[in-house]
C-alpha atoms as a PDB file:
ATOM      1  CA  MET A   1      97.489  91.889 -52.061  1.00  0.00           C
ATOM      2  CA  GLU A   2      99.394  95.059 -51.234  1.00  0.00           C
ATOM      3  CA  ALA A   3     103.152  94.673 -51.230  1.00  0.00           C
ATOM      4  CA  ILE A   4     105.014  94.735 -47.921  1.00  0.00           C
ATOM      5  CA  ARG A   5     107.535  97.591 -47.767  1.00  0.00           C
ATOM      6  CA  VAL A   6     110.784  96.284 -46.316  1.00  0.00           C
ATOM      7  CA  VAL A   7     113.441  98.771 -45.249  1.00  0.00           C
ATOM      8  CA  GLY A   8     116.906  97.256 -45.399  1.00  0.00           C
ATOM      9  CA  MET A   9     120.458  97.525 -46.606  1.00  0.00           C
ATOM     10  CA  PRO A  10     121.058  98.120 -50.328  1.00  0.00           C
ATOM     11  CA  SER A  11     122.626  95.319 -52.334  1.00  0.00           C
ATOM     12  CA  ILE A  12     126.426  95.039 -52.383  1.00  0.00           C
ATOM     13  CA  TRP A  13     128.987  92.345 -53.249  1.00  0.00           C
ATOM     14  CA  GLY A  14     126.440  90.598 -55.474  1.00  0.00           C
ATOM     15  CA  LEU A  15     124.290  89.838 -52.425  1.00  0.00           C
ATOM     16  CA  PRO A  16     120.634  90.919 -52.281  1.00  0.00           C
ATOM     17  CA  SER A  17     121.511  92.358 -48.861  1.00  0.00           C
ATOM     18  CA  PRO A  18     124.704  92.403 -46.764  1.00  0.00           C
ATOM     19  CA  SER A  19     122.496  92.086 -43.674  1.00  0.00           C
ATOM     20  CA  PRO A  20     121.816  88.432 -42.766  1.00  0.00           C
ATOM     21  CA  PHE A  21     118.542  89.441 -41.111  1.00  0.00           C
ATOM     22  CA  CYS A  22     117.321  91.460 -44.089  1.00  0.00           C
ATOM     23  CA  LEU A  23     118.176  88.572 -46.401  1.00  0.00           C
ATOM     24  CA  LYS A  24     116.404  86.189 -44.001  1.00  0.00           C
ATOM     25  CA  LEU A  25     113.202  88.248 -44.087  1.00  0.00           C
ATOM     26  CA  GLU A  26     113.229  88.641 -47.863  1.00  0.00           C
ATOM     27  CA  THR A  27     113.858  84.928 -48.313  1.00  0.00           C
ATOM     28  CA  TRP A  28     110.942  84.040 -46.044  1.00  0.00           C
ATOM     29  CA  LEU A  29     108.645  86.421 -47.951  1.00  0.00           C
ATOM     30  CA  ARG A  30     109.672  84.708 -51.184  1.00  0.00           C
ATOM     31  CA  MET A  31     109.118  81.281 -49.628  1.00  0.00           C
ATOM     32  CA  GLU A  32     105.561  82.272 -48.710  1.00  0.00           C
ATOM     33  CA  LYS A  33     104.930  84.225 -51.938  1.00  0.00           C
ATOM     34  CA  ILE A  34     104.110  87.414 -50.069  1.00  0.00           C
ATOM     35  CA  PRO A  35     104.637  90.440 -52.341  1.00  0.00           C
ATOM     36  CA  TYR A  36     107.124  92.983 -51.081  1.00  0.00           C
ATOM     37  CA  THR A  37     109.184  95.933 -52.208  1.00  0.00           C
ATOM     38  CA  CYS A  38     112.589  96.971 -50.896  1.00  0.00           C
ATOM     39  CA  VAL A  39     113.232 100.449 -49.524  1.00  0.00           C
ATOM     40  CA  ALA A  40     116.973 101.045 -49.365  1.00  0.00           C
ATOM     41  CA  LEU A  41     118.122 102.598 -46.109  1.00  0.00           C
ATOM     42  CA  ASN A  42     119.614 106.043 -46.752  1.00  0.00           C
ATOM     43  CA  SER A  43     119.634 107.452 -43.209  1.00  0.00           C
ATOM     44  CA  MET A  44     119.609 106.178 -39.650  1.00  0.00           C
ATOM     45  CA  PRO A  45     116.976 103.437 -39.173  1.00  0.00           C
ATOM     46  CA  GLN A  46     113.618 104.796 -38.036  1.00  0.00           C
ATOM     47  CA  SER A  47     112.563 101.604 -36.250  1.00  0.00           C
ATOM     48  CA  LYS A  48     112.127 101.357 -32.481  1.00  0.00           C
ATOM     49  CA  THR A  49     115.100  98.996 -32.320  1.00  0.00           C
ATOM     50  CA  GLY A  50     117.304 101.301 -34.394  1.00  0.00           C
ATOM     51  CA  LYS A  51     118.090  98.342 -36.659  1.00  0.00           C
ATOM     52  CA  VAL A  52     117.084  96.825 -39.969  1.00  0.00           C
ATOM     53  CA  PRO A  53     115.073  95.171 -41.298  1.00  0.00           C
ATOM     54  CA  TYR A  54     111.816  96.842 -40.488  1.00  0.00           C
ATOM     55  CA  ILE A  55     108.610  97.245 -42.428  1.00  0.00           C
ATOM     56  CA  LEU A  56     106.588 100.379 -43.088  1.00  0.00           C
ATOM     57  CA  ARG A  57     102.942  99.888 -42.113  1.00  0.00           C
ATOM     58  CA  ASN A  58     100.014 101.594 -43.843  1.00  0.00           C
ATOM     59  CA  ASP A  59      99.146 103.480 -40.653  1.00  0.00           C
ATOM     60  CA  GLY A  60     102.574 105.130 -40.661  1.00  0.00           C
ATOM     61  CA  SER A  61     104.033 102.898 -37.954  1.00  0.00           C
ATOM     62  CA  THR A  62     107.008 100.584 -38.294  1.00  0.00           C
ATOM     63  CA  LEU A  63     107.508  96.974 -37.264  1.00  0.00           C
ATOM     64  CA  ALA A  64     111.037  95.760 -36.526  1.00  0.00           C
ATOM     65  CA  ASP A  65     112.926  92.536 -35.710  1.00  0.00           C
ATOM     66  CA  SER A  66     112.838  89.840 -38.376  1.00  0.00           C
ATOM     67  CA  ASN A  67     111.294  87.212 -36.088  1.00  0.00           C
ATOM     68  CA  ILE A  68     108.560  89.568 -34.871  1.00  0.00           C
ATOM     69  CA  ILE A  69     107.869  90.687 -38.445  1.00  0.00           C
ATOM     70  CA  ILE A  70     107.583  87.091 -39.630  1.00  0.00           C
ATOM     71  CA  ALA A  71     105.306  86.075 -36.749  1.00  0.00           C
ATOM     72  CA  THR A  72     103.080  89.120 -37.341  1.00  0.00           C
ATOM     73  CA  LEU A  73     102.830  88.609 -41.091  1.00  0.00           C
ATOM     74  CA  ALA A  74     102.228  84.875 -40.655  1.00  0.00           C
ATOM     75  CA  ASN A  75      99.289  85.666 -38.373  1.00  0.00           C
ATOM     76  CA  GLU A  76      97.914  88.244 -40.809  1.00  0.00           C
ATOM     77  CA  HIS A  77      98.255  85.907 -43.795  1.00  0.00           C
ATOM     78  CA  GLY A  78      97.071  82.732 -42.075  1.00  0.00           C
ATOM     79  CA  ILE A  79     100.445  80.963 -42.299  1.00  0.00           C
ATOM     80  CA  ASP A  80     101.189  78.167 -39.828  1.00  0.00           C
ATOM     81  CA  LEU A  81     104.859  78.587 -38.933  1.00  0.00           C
ATOM     82  CA  THR A  82     104.989  75.080 -37.433  1.00  0.00           C
ATOM     83  CA  TYR A  83     104.234  73.643 -40.897  1.00  0.00           C
ATOM     84  CA  GLY A  84     102.578  70.680 -39.243  1.00  0.00           C
ATOM     85  CA  VAL A  85     105.687  69.266 -37.573  1.00  0.00           C
ATOM     86  CA  SER A  86     105.779  67.743 -34.092  1.00  0.00           C
ATOM     87  CA  SER A  87     106.474  69.712 -30.903  1.00  0.00           C
ATOM     88  CA  GLU A  88     109.906  68.097 -30.735  1.00  0.00           C
ATOM     89  CA  GLU A  89     110.742  69.196 -34.279  1.00  0.00           C
ATOM     90  CA  GLN A  90     109.500  72.712 -33.488  1.00  0.00           C
ATOM     91  CA  ALA A  91     111.815  72.820 -30.473  1.00  0.00           C
ATOM     92  CA  ARG A  92     114.693  71.623 -32.645  1.00  0.00           C
ATOM     93  CA  ALA A  93     114.016  74.377 -35.195  1.00  0.00           C
ATOM     94  CA  HIS A  94     113.886  76.926 -32.368  1.00  0.00           C
ATOM     95  CA  LEU A  95     117.321  75.879 -31.079  1.00  0.00           C
ATOM     96  CA  ILE A  96     118.765  75.970 -34.605  1.00  0.00           C
ATOM     97  CA  LEU A  97     117.438  79.518 -35.006  1.00  0.00           C
ATOM     98  CA  ARG A  98     119.002  80.571 -31.712  1.00  0.00           C
ATOM     99  CA  THR A  99     122.373  79.026 -32.614  1.00  0.00           C
ATOM    100  CA  LEU A 100     122.347  80.930 -35.885  1.00  0.00           C
ATOM    101  CA  GLU A 101     121.188  84.290 -34.579  1.00  0.00           C
ATOM    102  CA  GLU A 102     122.490  84.436 -31.011  1.00  0.00           C
ATOM    103  CA  SER A 103     125.882  82.814 -31.538  1.00  0.00           C
ATOM    104  CA  LEU A 104     127.182  82.287 -35.080  1.00  0.00           C
ATOM    105  CA  TYR A 105     125.912  85.650 -36.291  1.00  0.00           C
ATOM    106  CA  PHE A 106     128.086  87.513 -33.790  1.00  0.00           C
ATOM    107  CA  ALA A 107     131.226  85.647 -34.824  1.00  0.00           C
ATOM    108  CA  GLY A 108     130.512  86.638 -38.422  1.00  0.00           C
ATOM    109  CA  ALA A 109     129.808  90.238 -37.438  1.00  0.00           C
ATOM    110  CA  TRP A 110     133.075  90.392 -35.507  1.00  0.00           C
ATOM    111  CA  GLU A 111     134.984  89.085 -38.498  1.00  0.00           C
ATOM    112  CA  ARG A 112     133.367  91.535 -40.892  1.00  0.00           C
ATOM    113  CA  TRP A 113     133.560  94.647 -38.726  1.00  0.00           C
ATOM    114  CA  MET A 114     136.512  94.118 -36.382  1.00  0.00           C
ATOM    115  CA  HIS A 115     139.063  91.957 -38.204  1.00  0.00           C
ATOM    116  CA  PRO A 116     141.746  94.285 -39.615  1.00  0.00           C
ATOM    117  CA  GLU A 117     141.803  92.526 -42.989  1.00  0.00           C
ATOM    118  CA  SER A 118     138.010  92.504 -43.381  1.00  0.00           C
ATOM    119  CA  TRP A 119     137.213  96.000 -42.153  1.00  0.00           C
ATOM    120  CA  PRO A 120     138.508  97.917 -45.231  1.00  0.00           C
ATOM    121  CA  ILE A 121     136.281  95.751 -47.464  1.00  0.00           C
ATOM    122  CA  THR A 122     133.289  96.274 -45.177  1.00  0.00           C
ATOM    123  CA  ARG A 123     133.935 100.013 -45.015  1.00  0.00           C
ATOM    124  CA  ALA A 124     134.133 100.325 -48.790  1.00  0.00           C
ATOM    125  CA  GLY A 125     131.040  98.189 -49.329  1.00  0.00           C
ATOM    126  CA  TYR A 126     128.807  99.818 -46.728  1.00  0.00           C
ATOM    127  CA  PHE A 127     129.987 103.414 -46.934  1.00  0.00           C
ATOM    128  CA  GLY A 128     131.707 103.793 -50.309  1.00  0.00           C
ATOM    129  CA  ALA A 129     128.775 105.667 -51.841  1.00  0.00           C
ATOM    130  CA  LEU A 130     128.844 108.391 -49.178  1.00  0.00           C
ATOM    131  CA  PRO A 131     130.485 111.762 -49.926  1.00  0.00           C
ATOM    132  CA  ALA A 132     134.206 111.628 -49.255  1.00  0.00           C
ATOM    133  CA  GLY A 133     134.013 114.333 -46.605  1.00  0.00           C
ATOM    134  CA  ILE A 134     131.815 112.334 -44.246  1.00  0.00           C
ATOM    135  CA  ARG A 135     132.558 108.761 -45.355  1.00  0.00           C
ATOM    136  CA  ASN A 136     135.259 107.973 -42.796  1.00  0.00           C
ATOM    137  CA  LEU A 137     133.413 109.824 -40.022  1.00  0.00           C
ATOM    138  CA  ILE A 138     130.183 107.837 -40.465  1.00  0.00           C
ATOM    139  CA  ALA A 139     132.051 104.569 -40.966  1.00  0.00           C
ATOM    140  CA  GLY A 140     134.021 105.136 -37.783  1.00  0.00           C
ATOM    141  CA  LEU A 141     130.904 105.970 -35.764  1.00  0.00           C
ATOM    142  CA  VAL A 142     129.075 102.854 -36.925  1.00  0.00           C
ATOM    143  CA  ARG A 143     132.124 100.669 -36.313  1.00  0.00           C
ATOM    144  CA  ARG A 144     132.475 101.974 -32.764  1.00  0.00           C
ATOM    145  CA  LYS A 145     128.801 101.237 -32.161  1.00  0.00           C
ATOM    146  CA  MET A 146     129.306  97.708 -33.491  1.00  0.00           C
ATOM    147  CA  ARG A 147     132.382  97.246 -31.270  1.00  0.00           C
ATOM    148  CA  THR A 148     130.309  98.216 -28.226  1.00  0.00           C
ATOM    149  CA  LEU A 149     127.564  95.800 -29.252  1.00  0.00           C
ATOM    150  CA  LEU A 150     129.987  92.919 -29.773  1.00  0.00           C
ATOM    151  CA  HIS A 151     131.739  93.623 -26.482  1.00  0.00           C
ATOM    152  CA  GLY A 152     128.434  93.726 -24.629  1.00  0.00           C
ATOM    153  CA  GLN A 153     127.316  90.479 -26.235  1.00  0.00           C
ATOM    154  CA  GLY A 154     130.631  88.932 -25.256  1.00  0.00           C
ATOM    155  CA  VAL A 155     132.194  87.707 -28.482  1.00  0.00           C
ATOM    156  CA  ALA A 156     134.630  90.642 -28.701  1.00  0.00           C
ATOM    157  CA  ARG A 157     135.985  89.802 -25.248  1.00  0.00           C
ATOM    158  CA  HIS A 158     137.692  86.713 -26.716  1.00  0.00           C
ATOM    159  CA  GLU A 159     140.888  86.368 -28.702  1.00  0.00           C
ATOM    160  CA  PRO A 160     140.404  85.854 -32.459  1.00  0.00           C
ATOM    161  CA  ALA A 161     141.396  82.174 -32.254  1.00  0.00           C
ATOM    162  CA  GLN A 162     138.768  81.550 -29.573  1.00  0.00           C
ATOM    163  CA  ILE A 163     136.079  83.350 -31.585  1.00  0.00           C
ATOM    164  CA  LEU A 164     136.857  81.108 -34.534  1.00  0.00           C
ATOM    165  CA  ALA A 165     136.836  78.001 -32.322  1.00  0.00           C
ATOM    166  CA  LEU A 166     133.370  78.897 -31.008  1.00  0.00           C
ATOM    167  CA  ALA A 167     132.140  79.511 -34.560  1.00  0.00           C
ATOM    168  CA  ALA A 168     133.572  76.153 -35.647  1.00  0.00           C
ATOM    169  CA  GLN A 169     131.546  74.412 -32.933  1.00  0.00           C
ATOM    170  CA  ASP A 170     128.368  76.130 -34.141  1.00  0.00           C
ATOM    171  CA  VAL A 171     128.996  75.269 -37.783  1.00  0.00           C
ATOM    172  CA  LYS A 172     129.776  71.634 -36.967  1.00  0.00           C
ATOM    173  CA  ALA A 173     126.612  71.314 -34.876  1.00  0.00           C
ATOM    174  CA  LEU A 174     124.502  72.890 -37.626  1.00  0.00           C
ATOM    175  CA  ALA A 175     125.972  70.518 -40.209  1.00  0.00           C
ATOM    176  CA  MET A 176     125.105  67.543 -38.008  1.00  0.00           C
ATOM    177  CA  LEU A 177     121.546  68.789 -37.496  1.00  0.00           C
ATOM    178  CA  LEU A 178     121.059  69.319 -41.228  1.00  0.00           C
ATOM    179  CA  GLY A 179     122.431  65.857 -41.975  1.00  0.00           C
ATOM    180  CA  GLU A 180     121.078  64.461 -45.234  1.00  0.00           C
ATOM    181  CA  GLN A 181     117.893  66.534 -45.160  1.00  0.00           C
ATOM    182  CA  PRO A 182     117.383  69.152 -47.867  1.00  0.00           C
ATOM    183  CA  PHE A 183     116.425  71.744 -45.232  1.00  0.00           C
ATOM    184  CA  PHE A 184     116.832  72.250 -41.502  1.00  0.00           C
ATOM    185  CA  HIS A 185     113.073  72.066 -41.187  1.00  0.00           C
ATOM    186  CA  GLY A 186     112.963  68.755 -43.057  1.00  0.00           C
ATOM    187  CA  GLU A 187     111.505  68.297 -46.518  1.00  0.00           C
ATOM    188  CA  ARG A 188     110.490  71.913 -46.844  1.00  0.00           C
ATOM    189  CA  PRO A 189     112.145  75.100 -45.547  1.00  0.00           C
ATOM    190  CA  GLY A 190     110.956  77.063 -42.532  1.00  0.00           C
ATOM    191  CA  VAL A 191     112.052  80.188 -40.696  1.00  0.00           C
ATOM    192  CA  ALA A 192     115.299  78.553 -39.522  1.00  0.00           C
ATOM    193  CA  ASP A 193     116.191  77.843 -43.159  1.00  0.00           C
ATOM    194  CA  ALA A 194     115.577  81.453 -44.175  1.00  0.00           C
ATOM    195  CA  SER A 195     117.840  82.534 -41.306  1.00  0.00           C
ATOM    196  CA  ALA A 196     120.530  80.000 -42.205  1.00  0.00           C
ATOM    197  CA  TYR A 197     120.494  81.179 -45.804  1.00  0.00           C
ATOM    198  CA  GLY A 198     120.847  84.811 -44.711  1.00  0.00           C
ATOM    199  CA  LEU A 199     123.936  83.992 -42.648  1.00  0.00           C
ATOM    200  CA  PHE A 200     125.549  81.434 -44.946  1.00  0.00           C
ATOM    201  CA  ALA A 201     125.039  83.423 -48.161  1.00  0.00           C
ATOM    202  CA  ASN A 202     126.646  86.457 -46.534  1.00  0.00           C
ATOM    203  CA  ALA A 203     129.645  84.462 -45.317  1.00  0.00           C
ATOM    204  CA  LEU A 204     130.105  82.725 -48.674  1.00  0.00           C
ATOM    205  CA  GLY A 205     129.573  85.956 -50.626  1.00  0.00           C
ATOM    206  CA  PHE A 206     131.941  88.211 -48.695  1.00  0.00           C
ATOM    207  CA  PRO A 207     134.631  89.280 -51.200  1.00  0.00           C
ATOM    208  CA  GLY A 208     137.542  89.178 -48.769  1.00  0.00           C
ATOM    209  CA  GLN A 209     139.248  86.522 -46.698  1.00  0.00           C
ATOM    210  CA  SER A 210     136.776  84.848 -44.353  1.00  0.00           C
ATOM    211  CA  GLU A 211     137.443  82.151 -41.806  1.00  0.00           C
ATOM    212  CA  ILE A 212     133.671  81.670 -41.388  1.00  0.00           C
ATOM    213  CA  ARG A 213     133.473  80.898 -45.099  1.00  0.00           C
ATOM    214  CA  ASN A 214     136.313  78.397 -44.702  1.00  0.00           C
ATOM    215  CA  LEU A 215     134.393  76.705 -41.887  1.00  0.00           C
ATOM    216  CA  LEU A 216     131.317  76.357 -44.077  1.00  0.00           C
ATOM    217  CA  HIS A 217     133.378  74.817 -46.872  1.00  0.00           C
ATOM    218  CA  ARG A 218     134.515  72.106 -44.459  1.00  0.00           C
ATOM    219  CA  HIS A 219     130.890  70.942 -44.456  1.00  0.00           C
ATOM    220  CA  PRO A 220     129.801  70.593 -48.096  1.00  0.00           C
ATOM    221  CA  LYS A 221     126.190  69.839 -47.105  1.00  0.00           C
ATOM    222  CA  LEU A 222     125.871  73.375 -45.723  1.00  0.00           C
ATOM    223  CA  VAL A 223     127.181  74.872 -48.960  1.00  0.00           C
ATOM    224  CA  GLU A 224     124.813  72.641 -50.933  1.00  0.00           C
ATOM    225  CA  PHE A 225     121.957  73.815 -48.716  1.00  0.00           C
ATOM    226  CA  CYS A 226     122.843  77.431 -49.492  1.00  0.00           C
ATOM    227  CA  GLU A 227     122.957  76.724 -53.218  1.00  0.00           C
ATOM    228  CA  ARG A 228     119.601  74.931 -52.985  1.00  0.00           C
ATOM    229  CA  MET A 229     117.960  77.905 -51.290  1.00  0.00           C
ATOM    230  CA  LYS A 230     119.413  80.292 -53.852  1.00  0.00           C
ATOM    231  CA  ARG A 231     118.215  78.115 -56.727  1.00  0.00           C
ATOM    232  CA  LEU A 232     114.698  77.910 -55.289  1.00  0.00           C
ATOM    233  CA  TYR A 233     114.159  81.501 -54.238  1.00  0.00           C
ATOM    234  CA  TRP A 234     116.780  83.852 -55.629  1.00  0.00           C
ATOM    235  CA  ARG A 235     117.527  82.891 -59.218  1.00  0.00           C
ATOM    236  CA  ASP A 236     115.551  84.295 -62.124  1.00  0.00           C
ATOM    237  CA  ASP A 237     115.657  80.867 -63.750  1.00  0.00           C
ATOM    238  CA  SER A 238     114.440  79.046 -60.609  1.00  0.00           C
ATOM    239  CA  SER A 239     112.620  75.900 -61.593  1.00  0.00           C
ATOM    240  CA  SER A 240     108.881  76.098 -60.962  1.00  0.00           C
ATOM    241  CA  GLU A 241     108.906  72.297 -60.743  1.00  0.00           C
ATOM    242  CA  ASP A 242     111.438  72.390 -57.880  1.00  0.00           C
ATOM    243  CA  ILE A 243     109.363  74.948 -55.985  1.00  0.00           C
ATOM    244  CA  ALA A 244     106.183  72.949 -56.605  1.00  0.00           C
ATOM    245  CA  LEU A 245     107.768  69.831 -55.108  1.00  0.00           C
ATOM    246  CA  VAL A 246     108.810  71.736 -51.994  1.00  0.00           C
ATOM    247  CA  GLU A 247     105.301  73.145 -51.634  1.00  0.00           C
ATOM    248  CA  GLN A 248     103.784  69.677 -52.015  1.00  0.00           C
ATOM    249  CA  GLU A 249     105.877  68.496 -49.059  1.00  0.00           C
ATOM    250  CA  ARG A 250     104.686  71.486 -47.044  1.00  0.00           C
ATOM    251  CA  ASP A 251     101.054  70.778 -47.842  1.00  0.00           C
ATOM    252  CA  LYS A 252     101.434  67.114 -46.858  1.00  0.00           C
ATOM    253  CA  LYS A 253     102.774  68.072 -43.424  1.00  0.00           C
ATOM    254  CA  ILE A 254     100.182  70.761 -42.778  1.00  0.00           C
ATOM    255  CA  ALA A 255      97.393  68.381 -43.816  1.00  0.00           C
END
């Protein structure tokens, strides 16, 4: 099987990727044992969306948007993304995914890119390797683009306290939906779990002050979930027995 070529952000801060969506896609590929290689972004993204992640296809085309990439690859590899769960559980997973990616993500992006205490850390992490002469110029351009995005989405129109309050509601709801289950999808992880790991790992791994990280720590089950995903899919010493048990649960549901 030829490896998928994933274009994304290079590793910083001890994270495989500082992009929640790149980390989501890589985690899902690891969950499904689909071989892939990482191509570190070193210029403006060449995808139609102008964002990462995207994959380089053999015909020279690109495919962007993590959810579209996952759906396309699942179809090509014969993977059932419902994993045999009921229509109600599929709807639940869909709403979890939307809460993560259309709400909580933007609060985290605002904190990382707009908060005056976080921005210097973000700037150094994302742009520190650039030549000194253009470093601040490029960083400023990208930050202005992010400010426009966050204002258009709406989160940047609120005061910081309100942004945090909205994020707290999302985190609390996600903790309640996870409950005592090992994964949001139940006994085995699905796309929503890959997305949750991408967001949570980035919040927990950010080296500066983070109110989003503090919110996650108020709900230990979410932190435990993140550690579980890392142990299963991102540690060199991941237990093959643990992974086998998760896959057995998947096979039971699909059957």
